[in-house]
Amino acid sequence: MSIKNNLTQIKIQLPSHVTLVAVSKTKPVEDLMEAYDSGQRIFGENKIQEMAEKHQQMPKDIQWHMIGNVQRNKVKYMASFVDLVHGVDSLKLLNEINKQAAKHQRVINCLLQLKIAQEDTKFGMTSKEAHEILNSEHYKSLKNIAIVGVMGMASFTENTAQITEEFTLLKSDFDSLKNTEENLKVVSMGMSGDYPLAIENGSTMIRVGSSIFGARNYTN
């Protein structure tokens, strides 16, 4: 199957309210351009340098999403162009994104990453911490970031009951946070292996890589 066919197959099944982020990490620009030529405009990367290099080489109507763990000292390399940062897991990181966005006189959209998985390797803040940020005067003083939703990663397991439970938890956290911040719109959950389940449980944005681009080769 070609990248174009893979994209078409996924998009046919997607409800209109669900946004598809093509996760292009480790993939060459040629592969991304094949997806671009098929109409895809939103790409997700998990390394800031790799995303910045691809941004320089590719058309400027692309929305770049940073979906990985963000190191604060690297925010400056993406602040001029990144459209949405999925993995905001602390107030310190929000402060840094705000500071760097201000230098470019722009507002960067952010998602609060909540920890819903039981695995220790998955990171994110608690629902309580997210509420504290959204209710704080400090957050209201940050003029160059906009928190537009939440993101979460389910456990890596075959147990669909557990995954459903984790997705349901993220959606209910989102609903409760929306009472504090009515501008929240995005529930980013679901990847190649579990996105149909994520959509059933309230996802509005899915992050799909291998189902579009094929298996990854991490040895390069």
N, C-alpha and C. Protein backbone atom coordinates (compact mmCIF):
# COMPACT_ATOMS: atom_id res chain seq x y z
N MET A 1 0.84 -1.22 0.00
CA MET A 1 0.00 0.00 0.00
C MET A 1 0.87 1.25 0.00
N SER A 2 0.46 2.25 -0.77
CA SER A 2 1.22 3.50 -0.81
C SER A 2 0.76 4.41 0.33
N ILE A 3 1.57 5.41 0.60
CA ILE A 3 1.22 6.40 1.63
C ILE A 3 -0.11 7.06 1.28
N LYS A 4 -0.28 7.37 0.00
CA LYS A 4 -1.53 8.01 -0.45
C LYS A 4 -2.73 7.11 -0.16
N ASN A 5 -2.63 5.83 -0.50
CA ASN A 5 -3.74 4.90 -0.25
C ASN A 5 -4.02 4.74 1.24
N ASN A 6 -2.93 4.64 2.02
CA ASN A 6 -3.09 4.51 3.48
C ASN A 6 -3.86 5.70 4.04
N LEU A 7 -3.47 6.91 3.61
CA LEU A 7 -4.14 8.12 4.07
C LEU A 7 -5.61 8.12 3.69
N THR A 8 -5.87 7.75 2.45
CA THR A 8 -7.26 7.73 1.95
C THR A 8 -8.11 6.78 2.78
N GLN A 9 -7.56 5.59 3.04
CA GLN A 9 -8.28 4.57 3.83
C GLN A 9 -8.63 5.10 5.22
N ILE A 10 -7.69 5.78 5.86
CA ILE A 10 -7.92 6.29 7.21
C ILE A 10 -8.95 7.42 7.17
N LYS A 11 -8.77 8.35 6.22
CA LYS A 11 -9.64 9.54 6.19
C LYS A 11 -11.09 9.20 5.85
N ILE A 12 -11.30 8.15 5.05
CA ILE A 12 -12.67 7.72 4.72
C ILE A 12 -13.43 7.36 5.99
N GLN A 13 -12.71 6.75 6.95
CA GLN A 13 -13.37 6.26 8.17
C GLN A 13 -13.49 7.32 9.26
N LEU A 14 -12.81 8.46 9.11
CA LEU A 14 -12.77 9.44 10.20
C LEU A 14 -14.02 10.30 10.25
N PRO A 15 -14.62 10.45 11.43
CA PRO A 15 -15.71 11.41 11.58
C PRO A 15 -15.18 12.82 11.30
N SER A 16 -16.07 13.72 10.88
CA SER A 16 -15.63 15.06 10.45
C SER A 16 -15.03 15.88 11.58
N HIS A 17 -15.36 15.56 12.83
CA HIS A 17 -14.84 16.36 13.96
C HIS A 17 -13.46 15.89 14.44
N VAL A 18 -12.92 14.85 13.79
CA VAL A 18 -11.63 14.31 14.25
C VAL A 18 -10.50 14.75 13.31
N THR A 19 -9.46 15.34 13.88
CA THR A 19 -8.29 15.81 13.12
C THR A 19 -7.23 14.72 13.08
N LEU A 20 -6.65 14.51 11.90
CA LEU A 20 -5.60 13.50 11.74
C LEU A 20 -4.23 14.17 11.73
N VAL A 21 -3.40 13.79 12.69
CA VAL A 21 -1.99 14.22 12.71
C VAL A 21 -1.16 13.06 12.16
N ALA A 22 -0.48 13.31 11.03
CA ALA A 22 0.38 12.27 10.45
C ALA A 22 1.72 12.30 11.18
N VAL A 23 2.00 11.25 11.94
CA VAL A 23 3.23 11.22 12.75
C VAL A 23 4.39 10.78 11.86
N SER A 24 5.23 11.77 11.54
CA SER A 24 6.25 11.57 10.51
C SER A 24 7.66 11.43 11.08
N LYS A 25 7.78 11.25 12.39
CA LYS A 25 9.11 11.15 13.01
C LYS A 25 9.91 10.02 12.36
N THR A 26 11.18 10.26 12.19
CA THR A 26 12.16 9.33 11.56
C THR A 26 11.95 9.12 10.06
N LYS A 27 10.89 9.69 9.49
CA LYS A 27 10.61 9.45 8.07
C LYS A 27 11.25 10.54 7.21
N PRO A 28 11.72 10.18 6.00
CA PRO A 28 12.38 11.17 5.15
C PRO A 28 11.37 12.15 4.54
N VAL A 29 11.87 13.32 4.14
CA VAL A 29 11.02 14.37 3.56
C VAL A 29 10.24 13.85 2.35
N GLU A 30 10.83 12.93 1.57
CA GLU A 30 10.12 12.39 0.39
C GLU A 30 8.80 11.75 0.82
N ASP A 31 8.83 11.01 1.93
CA ASP A 31 7.61 10.35 2.41
C ASP A 31 6.58 11.40 2.86
N LEU A 32 7.06 12.43 3.55
CA LEU A 32 6.15 13.48 4.00
C LEU A 32 5.54 14.20 2.80
N MET A 33 6.36 14.42 1.75
CA MET A 33 5.85 15.11 0.56
C MET A 33 4.80 14.27 -0.17
N GLU A 34 4.95 12.95 -0.10
CA GLU A 34 3.93 12.09 -0.71
C GLU A 34 2.59 12.27 0.02
N ALA A 35 2.68 12.36 1.36
CA ALA A 35 1.47 12.60 2.16
C ALA A 35 0.93 14.01 1.88
N TYR A 36 1.84 14.97 1.77
CA TYR A 36 1.44 16.36 1.48
C TYR A 36 0.72 16.45 0.14
N ASP A 37 1.28 15.79 -0.86
CA ASP A 37 0.68 15.82 -2.20
C ASP A 37 -0.68 15.12 -2.22
N SER A 38 -0.94 14.28 -1.21
CA SER A 38 -2.24 13.61 -1.09
C SER A 38 -3.21 14.44 -0.25
N GLY A 39 -2.79 15.65 0.13
CA GLY A 39 -3.69 16.55 0.86
C GLY A 39 -3.45 16.68 2.35
N GLN A 40 -2.49 15.92 2.91
CA GLN A 40 -2.25 16.00 4.35
C GLN A 40 -1.46 17.28 4.68
N ARG A 41 -1.93 18.03 5.67
CA ARG A 41 -1.26 19.28 6.02
C ARG A 41 -0.80 19.35 7.47
N ILE A 42 -1.12 18.34 8.27
CA ILE A 42 -0.72 18.37 9.68
C ILE A 42 0.23 17.20 9.94
N PHE A 43 1.44 17.55 10.39
CA PHE A 43 2.46 16.52 10.65
C PHE A 43 2.95 16.63 12.09
N GLY A 44 3.18 15.48 12.71
CA GLY A 44 3.66 15.43 14.09
C GLY A 44 5.05 14.86 14.18
N GLU A 45 5.92 15.54 14.91
CA GLU A 45 7.29 15.08 15.12
C GLU A 45 7.55 15.01 16.63
N ASN A 46 8.54 14.17 17.01
CA ASN A 46 8.82 14.08 18.44
C ASN A 46 10.22 14.59 18.80
N LYS A 47 10.96 15.09 17.79
CA LYS A 47 12.26 15.70 18.06
C LYS A 47 12.28 17.09 17.42
N ILE A 48 12.57 18.08 18.22
CA ILE A 48 12.46 19.47 17.75
C ILE A 48 13.41 19.75 16.59
N GLN A 49 14.67 19.25 16.69
CA GLN A 49 15.63 19.54 15.60
C GLN A 49 15.17 18.95 14.29
N GLU A 50 14.67 17.71 14.35
CA GLU A 50 14.21 17.04 13.13
C GLU A 50 13.03 17.80 12.52
N MET A 51 12.13 18.25 13.39
CA MET A 51 10.97 19.01 12.93
C MET A 51 11.41 20.34 12.29
N ALA A 52 12.37 21.01 12.90
CA ALA A 52 12.85 22.30 12.38
C ALA A 52 13.49 22.12 11.00
N GLU A 53 14.25 21.03 10.83
CA GLU A 53 14.89 20.77 9.52
C GLU A 53 13.83 20.51 8.46
N LYS A 54 12.83 19.72 8.80
CA LYS A 54 11.77 19.41 7.84
C LYS A 54 10.95 20.68 7.52
N HIS A 55 10.72 21.48 8.53
CA HIS A 55 9.98 22.74 8.32
C HIS A 55 10.69 23.62 7.29
N GLN A 56 12.02 23.68 7.40
CA GLN A 56 12.80 24.51 6.45
C GLN A 56 12.68 24.00 5.02
N GLN A 57 12.59 22.68 4.87
CA GLN A 57 12.62 22.08 3.53
C GLN A 57 11.25 21.98 2.87
N MET A 58 10.20 22.12 3.65
CA MET A 58 8.87 21.78 3.13
C MET A 58 7.96 23.00 2.98
N PRO A 59 6.81 22.85 2.28
CA PRO A 59 5.90 23.99 2.06
C PRO A 59 5.46 24.62 3.38
N LYS A 60 5.18 25.91 3.31
CA LYS A 60 4.93 26.67 4.53
C LYS A 60 3.46 26.67 4.97
N ASP A 61 2.59 25.94 4.25
CA ASP A 61 1.20 25.86 4.72
C ASP A 61 0.98 24.63 5.60
N ILE A 62 2.08 23.99 6.00
CA ILE A 62 1.98 22.82 6.89
C ILE A 62 1.84 23.29 8.34
N GLN A 63 1.00 22.59 9.09
CA GLN A 63 0.92 22.79 10.54
C GLN A 63 1.82 21.74 11.19
N TRP A 64 2.79 22.20 11.96
CA TRP A 64 3.71 21.27 12.65
C TRP A 64 3.28 21.10 14.10
N HIS A 65 3.12 19.84 14.50
CA HIS A 65 2.76 19.52 15.88
C HIS A 65 3.95 18.85 16.55
N MET A 66 4.30 19.32 17.73
CA MET A 66 5.35 18.67 18.52
C MET A 66 4.67 17.70 19.47
N ILE A 67 4.87 16.41 19.24
CA ILE A 67 4.11 15.41 20.01
C ILE A 67 4.94 14.68 21.06
N GLY A 68 6.25 14.95 21.08
CA GLY A 68 7.10 14.22 22.02
C GLY A 68 7.36 14.99 23.31
N ASN A 69 8.23 14.43 24.12
CA ASN A 69 8.67 15.05 25.35
C ASN A 69 9.48 16.29 25.00
N VAL A 70 9.13 17.45 25.53
CA VAL A 70 9.78 18.70 25.14
C VAL A 70 10.82 19.11 26.18
N GLN A 71 12.06 19.29 25.71
CA GLN A 71 13.11 19.82 26.58
C GLN A 71 13.05 21.35 26.51
N ARG A 72 13.03 21.97 27.67
CA ARG A 72 12.84 23.43 27.71
C ARG A 72 13.91 24.18 26.94
N ASN A 73 15.16 23.69 26.98
CA ASN A 73 16.24 24.42 26.32
C ASN A 73 16.16 24.35 24.79
N LYS A 74 15.22 23.55 24.27
CA LYS A 74 15.10 23.43 22.80
C LYS A 74 13.85 24.13 22.25
N VAL A 75 13.02 24.67 23.13
CA VAL A 75 11.78 25.32 22.69
C VAL A 75 12.08 26.42 21.68
N LYS A 76 13.19 27.13 21.88
CA LYS A 76 13.53 28.27 21.01
C LYS A 76 13.67 27.87 19.55
N TYR A 77 14.02 26.60 19.28
CA TYR A 77 14.23 26.17 17.89
C TYR A 77 12.92 25.96 17.13
N MET A 78 11.80 25.87 17.85
CA MET A 78 10.52 25.65 17.16
C MET A 78 9.54 26.81 17.35
N ALA A 79 9.93 27.78 18.19
CA ALA A 79 8.97 28.82 18.60
C ALA A 79 8.48 29.68 17.44
N SER A 80 9.26 29.76 16.36
CA SER A 80 8.85 30.64 15.26
C SER A 80 7.78 30.00 14.37
N PHE A 81 7.60 28.67 14.46
CA PHE A 81 6.70 28.02 13.50
C PHE A 81 5.76 26.96 14.05
N VAL A 82 6.04 26.39 15.22
CA VAL A 82 5.22 25.26 15.68
C VAL A 82 3.76 25.70 15.88
N ASP A 83 2.84 24.83 15.48
CA ASP A 83 1.42 25.17 15.55
C ASP A 83 0.78 24.70 16.86
N LEU A 84 1.16 23.50 17.30
CA LEU A 84 0.57 22.94 18.52
C LEU A 84 1.61 22.07 19.23
N VAL A 85 1.76 22.30 20.54
CA VAL A 85 2.65 21.48 21.37
C VAL A 85 1.77 20.55 22.21
N HIS A 86 1.87 19.24 21.94
CA HIS A 86 0.99 18.27 22.62
C HIS A 86 1.45 17.94 24.04
N GLY A 87 2.75 17.92 24.27
CA GLY A 87 3.25 17.30 25.50
C GLY A 87 3.62 18.26 26.61
N VAL A 88 2.74 19.23 26.93
CA VAL A 88 3.06 20.18 28.01
C VAL A 88 2.71 19.54 29.34
N ASP A 89 3.75 19.24 30.13
CA ASP A 89 3.52 18.48 31.36
C ASP A 89 3.93 19.25 32.62
N SER A 90 4.21 20.57 32.46
CA SER A 90 4.58 21.36 33.64
C SER A 90 4.38 22.85 33.38
N LEU A 91 4.24 23.60 34.47
CA LEU A 91 4.12 25.05 34.37
C LEU A 91 5.44 25.66 33.87
N LYS A 92 6.57 25.05 34.28
CA LYS A 92 7.87 25.55 33.82
C LYS A 92 7.97 25.52 32.30
N LEU A 93 7.46 24.44 31.71
CA LEU A 93 7.50 24.32 30.25
C LEU A 93 6.57 25.36 29.61
N LEU A 94 5.40 25.55 30.18
CA LEU A 94 4.47 26.58 29.66
C LEU A 94 5.12 27.96 29.68
N ASN A 95 5.83 28.26 30.79
CA ASN A 95 6.52 29.55 30.91
C ASN A 95 7.54 29.74 29.79
N GLU A 96 8.29 28.67 29.51
CA GLU A 96 9.34 28.76 28.48
C GLU A 96 8.72 28.92 27.09
N ILE A 97 7.65 28.19 26.82
CA ILE A 97 6.97 28.32 25.51
C ILE A 97 6.44 29.75 25.36
N ASN A 98 5.86 30.29 26.44
CA ASN A 98 5.34 31.65 26.42
C ASN A 98 6.46 32.66 26.13
N LYS A 99 7.59 32.47 26.80
CA LYS A 99 8.74 33.38 26.65
C LYS A 99 9.27 33.38 25.22
N GLN A 100 9.42 32.18 24.66
CA GLN A 100 9.97 32.07 23.30
C GLN A 100 8.97 32.54 22.25
N ALA A 101 7.68 32.27 22.49
CA ALA A 101 6.64 32.73 21.55
C ALA A 101 6.60 34.26 21.51
N ALA A 102 6.79 34.88 22.67
CA ALA A 102 6.76 36.35 22.76
C ALA A 102 7.85 36.97 21.88
N LYS A 103 9.00 36.31 21.80
CA LYS A 103 10.09 36.82 20.97
C LYS A 103 9.70 36.88 19.49
N HIS A 104 8.77 36.01 19.11
CA HIS A 104 8.32 35.97 17.70
C HIS A 104 6.95 36.63 17.54
N GLN A 105 6.49 37.26 18.62
CA GLN A 105 5.19 37.97 18.61
C GLN A 105 4.07 37.07 18.09
N ARG A 106 4.05 35.86 18.63
CA ARG A 106 2.96 34.95 18.25
C ARG A 106 2.44 34.21 19.46
N VAL A 107 1.30 33.56 19.28
CA VAL A 107 0.70 32.74 20.34
C VAL A 107 0.84 31.28 19.92
N ILE A 108 1.38 30.46 20.80
CA ILE A 108 1.55 29.03 20.51
C ILE A 108 0.47 28.24 21.25
N ASN A 109 -0.24 27.41 20.50
CA ASN A 109 -1.27 26.55 21.08
C ASN A 109 -0.62 25.37 21.80
N CYS A 110 -1.18 25.02 22.94
CA CYS A 110 -0.61 23.95 23.76
C CYS A 110 -1.71 23.01 24.26
N LEU A 111 -1.33 21.75 24.45
CA LEU A 111 -2.20 20.77 25.11
C LEU A 111 -1.53 20.38 26.42
N LEU A 112 -2.31 20.25 27.47
CA LEU A 112 -1.77 19.73 28.74
C LEU A 112 -1.74 18.21 28.64
N GLN A 113 -0.56 17.64 28.84
CA GLN A 113 -0.46 16.18 28.79
C GLN A 113 -0.77 15.59 30.16
N LEU A 114 -1.83 14.79 30.20
CA LEU A 114 -2.24 14.15 31.45
C LEU A 114 -1.79 12.70 31.45
N LYS A 115 -1.37 12.23 32.60
CA LYS A 115 -0.92 10.84 32.70
C LYS A 115 -2.13 9.95 32.94
N ILE A 116 -2.46 9.12 31.94
CA ILE A 116 -3.60 8.22 32.09
C ILE A 116 -3.16 6.76 32.11
N ALA A 117 -1.94 6.49 31.62
CA ALA A 117 -1.45 5.11 31.55
C ALA A 117 -0.90 4.68 32.90
N GLN A 118 -0.89 3.36 33.09
CA GLN A 118 -0.34 2.84 34.35
C GLN A 118 1.17 2.64 34.26
N GLU A 119 1.72 2.76 33.05
CA GLU A 119 3.16 2.53 32.88
C GLU A 119 3.97 3.71 33.40
N ASP A 120 5.10 3.40 34.06
CA ASP A 120 5.97 4.45 34.59
C ASP A 120 6.65 5.24 33.48
N THR A 121 6.79 4.63 32.30
CA THR A 121 7.51 5.31 31.21
C THR A 121 6.69 6.44 30.60
N LYS A 122 5.39 6.43 30.80
CA LYS A 122 4.54 7.49 30.24
C LYS A 122 4.54 8.67 31.22
N PHE A 123 4.65 9.87 30.67
CA PHE A 123 4.70 11.02 31.57
C PHE A 123 3.46 11.89 31.39
N GLY A 124 3.33 12.86 32.29
CA GLY A 124 2.18 13.76 32.21
C GLY A 124 1.81 14.25 33.60
N MET A 125 0.96 15.28 33.63
CA MET A 125 0.54 15.83 34.92
C MET A 125 -0.75 15.16 35.38
N THR A 126 -1.09 15.37 36.63
CA THR A 126 -2.35 14.85 37.14
C THR A 126 -3.47 15.85 36.78
N SER A 127 -4.68 15.38 36.87
CA SER A 127 -5.84 16.24 36.62
C SER A 127 -5.83 17.41 37.61
N LYS A 128 -5.45 17.14 38.86
CA LYS A 128 -5.40 18.17 39.91
C LYS A 128 -4.40 19.27 39.51
N GLU A 129 -3.23 18.85 39.02
CA GLU A 129 -2.20 19.84 38.61
C GLU A 129 -2.70 20.68 37.44
N ALA A 130 -3.41 20.04 36.50
CA ALA A 130 -3.96 20.77 35.35
C ALA A 130 -4.98 21.81 35.81
N HIS A 131 -5.84 21.42 36.76
CA HIS A 131 -6.83 22.36 37.31
C HIS A 131 -6.14 23.55 37.98
N GLU A 132 -5.07 23.24 38.73
CA GLU A 132 -4.35 24.30 39.45
C GLU A 132 -3.75 25.30 38.46
N ILE A 133 -3.20 24.81 37.36
CA ILE A 133 -2.62 25.71 36.35
C ILE A 133 -3.70 26.59 35.75
N LEU A 134 -4.79 25.97 35.30
CA LEU A 134 -5.85 26.73 34.62
C LEU A 134 -6.53 27.75 35.54
N ASN A 135 -6.52 27.47 36.84
CA ASN A 135 -7.16 28.39 37.80
C ASN A 135 -6.21 29.46 38.32
N SER A 136 -4.92 29.37 37.95
CA SER A 136 -3.94 30.27 38.54
C SER A 136 -3.91 31.63 37.85
N GLU A 137 -3.61 32.65 38.62
CA GLU A 137 -3.45 34.01 38.07
C GLU A 137 -2.24 34.03 37.13
N HIS A 138 -1.25 33.24 37.48
CA HIS A 138 -0.03 33.20 36.67
C HIS A 138 -0.35 32.75 35.24
N TYR A 139 -1.14 31.69 35.12
CA TYR A 139 -1.52 31.21 33.78
C TYR A 139 -2.23 32.32 33.00
N LYS A 140 -3.13 33.03 33.70
CA LYS A 140 -3.89 34.09 33.01
C LYS A 140 -2.99 35.23 32.54
N SER A 141 -1.80 35.33 33.14
CA SER A 141 -0.87 36.40 32.75
C SER A 141 -0.02 36.02 31.53
N LEU A 142 -0.07 34.76 31.12
CA LEU A 142 0.75 34.31 29.97
C LEU A 142 0.01 34.65 28.68
N LYS A 143 0.51 35.62 27.95
CA LYS A 143 -0.22 36.14 26.78
C LYS A 143 0.18 35.47 25.46
N ASN A 144 1.24 34.66 25.48
CA ASN A 144 1.73 34.10 24.21
C ASN A 144 1.56 32.59 24.10
N ILE A 145 0.73 32.04 24.99
CA ILE A 145 0.33 30.63 24.86
C ILE A 145 -1.19 30.55 24.99
N ALA A 146 -1.75 29.53 24.37
CA ALA A 146 -3.18 29.25 24.53
C ALA A 146 -3.32 27.76 24.79
N ILE A 147 -3.87 27.42 25.94
CA ILE A 147 -4.14 26.00 26.21
C ILE A 147 -5.46 25.66 25.55
N VAL A 148 -5.41 24.75 24.58
CA VAL A 148 -6.60 24.47 23.76
C VAL A 148 -7.16 23.06 23.99
N GLY A 149 -6.53 22.29 24.88
CA GLY A 149 -7.05 20.95 25.13
C GLY A 149 -6.09 20.10 25.93
N VAL A 150 -6.32 18.80 25.85
CA VAL A 150 -5.51 17.83 26.60
C VAL A 150 -5.01 16.73 25.67
N MET A 151 -3.95 16.08 26.12
CA MET A 151 -3.39 14.94 25.39
C MET A 151 -3.08 13.83 26.38
N GLY A 152 -3.23 12.60 25.94
CA GLY A 152 -2.85 11.48 26.81
C GLY A 152 -2.49 10.26 25.98
N MET A 153 -1.67 9.41 26.57
CA MET A 153 -1.27 8.16 25.91
C MET A 153 -1.69 6.99 26.77
N ALA A 154 -2.43 6.07 26.14
CA ALA A 154 -2.88 4.87 26.86
C ALA A 154 -1.72 3.90 27.06
N SER A 155 -1.90 2.97 27.96
CA SER A 155 -0.89 1.93 28.20
C SER A 155 -0.68 1.11 26.93
N PHE A 156 0.53 0.60 26.78
CA PHE A 156 0.85 -0.27 25.64
C PHE A 156 0.45 -1.68 26.04
N THR A 157 -0.79 -2.04 25.69
CA THR A 157 -1.31 -3.34 26.13
C THR A 157 -2.34 -3.82 25.12
N GLU A 158 -2.57 -5.13 25.12
CA GLU A 158 -3.62 -5.71 24.27
C GLU A 158 -4.99 -5.64 24.95
N ASN A 159 -4.98 -5.23 26.22
CA ASN A 159 -6.20 -5.24 27.03
C ASN A 159 -7.08 -4.02 26.68
N THR A 160 -8.07 -4.24 25.81
CA THR A 160 -8.89 -3.11 25.34
C THR A 160 -9.73 -2.51 26.47
N ALA A 161 -10.09 -3.32 27.46
CA ALA A 161 -10.87 -2.78 28.58
C ALA A 161 -10.05 -1.74 29.33
N GLN A 162 -8.76 -2.04 29.53
CA GLN A 162 -7.88 -1.09 30.23
C GLN A 162 -7.69 0.18 29.40
N ILE A 163 -7.47 0.02 28.08
CA ILE A 163 -7.28 1.18 27.20
C ILE A 163 -8.54 2.05 27.20
N THR A 164 -9.70 1.40 27.12
CA THR A 164 -10.98 2.14 27.14
C THR A 164 -11.12 2.93 28.43
N GLU A 165 -10.74 2.30 29.54
CA GLU A 165 -10.82 2.96 30.84
C GLU A 165 -9.93 4.21 30.88
N GLU A 166 -8.73 4.09 30.30
CA GLU A 166 -7.78 5.21 30.30
C GLU A 166 -8.27 6.34 29.39
N PHE A 167 -8.81 5.98 28.23
CA PHE A 167 -9.37 7.00 27.32
C PHE A 167 -10.57 7.71 27.97
N THR A 168 -11.41 6.93 28.64
CA THR A 168 -12.59 7.50 29.31
C THR A 168 -12.15 8.48 30.39
N LEU A 169 -11.07 8.13 31.09
CA LEU A 169 -10.53 8.99 32.14
C LEU A 169 -10.08 10.33 31.54
N LEU A 170 -9.37 10.28 30.41
CA LEU A 170 -8.90 11.52 29.78
C LEU A 170 -10.07 12.39 29.35
N LYS A 171 -11.08 11.77 28.76
CA LYS A 171 -12.25 12.53 28.31
C LYS A 171 -12.98 13.16 29.50
N SER A 172 -13.08 12.44 30.61
CA SER A 172 -13.79 13.02 31.76
C SER A 172 -12.94 14.13 32.40
N ASP A 173 -11.61 13.98 32.39
CA ASP A 173 -10.73 15.06 32.86
C ASP A 173 -10.91 16.30 31.98
N PHE A 174 -10.98 16.08 30.67
CA PHE A 174 -11.18 17.18 29.72
C PHE A 174 -12.49 17.91 30.03
N ASP A 175 -13.58 17.14 30.22
CA ASP A 175 -14.89 17.74 30.49
C ASP A 175 -14.85 18.59 31.75
N SER A 176 -14.14 18.09 32.76
CA SER A 176 -14.08 18.82 34.03
C SER A 176 -13.19 20.07 33.90
N LEU A 177 -12.10 19.98 33.13
CA LEU A 177 -11.23 21.15 32.90
C LEU A 177 -11.94 22.21 32.06
N LYS A 178 -12.82 21.76 31.18
CA LYS A 178 -13.55 22.68 30.30
C LYS A 178 -14.45 23.62 31.11
N ASN A 179 -14.85 23.19 32.29
CA ASN A 179 -15.64 24.06 33.17
C ASN A 179 -14.81 25.26 33.64
N THR A 180 -13.46 25.04 33.72
CA THR A 180 -12.56 26.12 34.14
C THR A 180 -12.14 26.97 32.95
N GLU A 181 -11.87 26.32 31.83
CA GLU A 181 -11.34 27.00 30.65
C GLU A 181 -12.19 26.62 29.45
N GLU A 182 -13.17 27.49 29.11
CA GLU A 182 -14.14 27.07 28.08
C GLU A 182 -13.55 27.00 26.69
N ASN A 183 -12.32 27.52 26.50
CA ASN A 183 -11.68 27.48 25.17
C ASN A 183 -11.12 26.10 24.83
N LEU A 184 -11.18 25.16 25.76
CA LEU A 184 -10.64 23.82 25.46
C LEU A 184 -11.51 23.14 24.40
N LYS A 185 -10.84 22.64 23.37
CA LYS A 185 -11.56 21.97 22.28
C LYS A 185 -10.98 20.61 21.94
N VAL A 186 -9.69 20.42 22.19
CA VAL A 186 -8.97 19.26 21.65
C VAL A 186 -8.79 18.17 22.70
N VAL A 187 -9.16 16.94 22.32
CA VAL A 187 -8.81 15.76 23.11
C VAL A 187 -7.93 14.91 22.20
N SER A 188 -6.61 15.02 22.39
CA SER A 188 -5.65 14.31 21.53
C SER A 188 -5.33 12.95 22.16
N MET A 189 -5.97 11.92 21.62
CA MET A 189 -5.68 10.55 22.10
C MET A 189 -5.98 9.56 20.98
N GLY A 190 -5.19 8.51 20.96
CA GLY A 190 -5.35 7.49 19.94
C GLY A 190 -4.21 7.53 18.94
N MET A 191 -3.63 6.34 18.70
CA MET A 191 -2.53 6.20 17.74
C MET A 191 -2.88 5.07 16.77
N SER A 192 -1.92 4.65 15.95
CA SER A 192 -2.22 3.65 14.91
C SER A 192 -2.97 2.44 15.46
N GLY A 193 -2.55 1.94 16.62
CA GLY A 193 -3.12 0.69 17.14
C GLY A 193 -4.47 0.83 17.81
N ASP A 194 -4.81 2.04 18.27
CA ASP A 194 -6.02 2.14 19.10
C ASP A 194 -6.91 3.34 18.76
N TYR A 195 -6.68 4.01 17.62
CA TYR A 195 -7.45 5.24 17.38
C TYR A 195 -8.95 5.03 17.20
N PRO A 196 -9.44 3.89 16.62
CA PRO A 196 -10.90 3.73 16.54
C PRO A 196 -11.55 3.73 17.93
N LEU A 197 -10.86 3.08 18.87
CA LEU A 197 -11.34 3.02 20.26
C LEU A 197 -11.29 4.42 20.89
N ALA A 198 -10.23 5.16 20.57
CA ALA A 198 -10.09 6.52 21.11
C ALA A 198 -11.23 7.42 20.63
N ILE A 199 -11.56 7.30 19.34
CA ILE A 199 -12.64 8.12 18.77
C ILE A 199 -13.98 7.78 19.43
N GLU A 200 -14.20 6.48 19.63
CA GLU A 200 -15.44 6.05 20.32
C GLU A 200 -15.56 6.69 21.70
N ASN A 201 -14.38 6.94 22.32
CA ASN A 201 -14.38 7.46 23.69
C ASN A 201 -14.12 8.95 23.77
N GLY A 202 -14.31 9.66 22.65
CA GLY A 202 -14.31 11.12 22.72
C GLY A 202 -13.10 11.84 22.14
N SER A 203 -12.19 11.12 21.48
CA SER A 203 -11.04 11.80 20.89
C SER A 203 -11.46 12.73 19.76
N THR A 204 -10.80 13.90 19.67
CA THR A 204 -11.03 14.80 18.54
C THR A 204 -9.76 14.96 17.69
N MET A 205 -8.68 14.30 18.11
CA MET A 205 -7.42 14.40 17.36
C MET A 205 -6.64 13.10 17.56
N ILE A 206 -6.27 12.46 16.44
CA ILE A 206 -5.53 11.20 16.54
C ILE A 206 -4.14 11.38 15.93
N ARG A 207 -3.17 10.64 16.48
CA ARG A 207 -1.78 10.74 16.05
C ARG A 207 -1.39 9.42 15.41
N VAL A 208 -1.36 9.40 14.09
CA VAL A 208 -1.18 8.12 13.38
C VAL A 208 0.10 8.16 12.54
N GLY A 209 0.98 7.19 12.78
CA GLY A 209 2.24 7.14 12.05
C GLY A 209 2.39 5.92 11.18
N SER A 210 2.59 4.75 11.82
CA SER A 210 2.91 3.54 11.06
C SER A 210 1.80 3.11 10.11
N SER A 211 0.54 3.41 10.45
CA SER A 211 -0.56 3.05 9.55
C SER A 211 -0.55 3.91 8.28
N ILE A 212 0.16 5.03 8.32
CA ILE A 212 0.30 5.87 7.11
C ILE A 212 1.62 5.59 6.41
N PHE A 213 2.72 5.65 7.19
CA PHE A 213 4.05 5.62 6.59
C PHE A 213 4.72 4.24 6.62
N GLY A 214 4.07 3.27 7.26
CA GLY A 214 4.70 1.95 7.41
C GLY A 214 5.55 1.90 8.66
N ALA A 215 6.08 0.74 8.95
CA ALA A 215 6.87 0.53 10.18
C ALA A 215 8.09 1.45 10.19
N ARG A 216 8.51 1.81 11.40
CA ARG A 216 9.67 2.71 11.53
C ARG A 216 10.96 1.93 11.64
N ASN A 217 12.01 2.55 11.10
CA ASN A 217 13.35 1.98 11.29
C ASN A 217 14.11 2.93 12.21
N TYR A 218 14.33 2.48 13.45
CA TYR A 218 14.96 3.37 14.44
C TYR A 218 16.49 3.28 14.45
N THR A 219 17.05 2.50 13.51
CA THR A 219 18.49 2.30 13.54
C THR A 219 19.27 3.43 12.89
N ASN A 220 18.56 4.29 12.08
CA ASN A 220 19.31 5.36 11.39
C ASN A 220 19.88 6.33 12.39
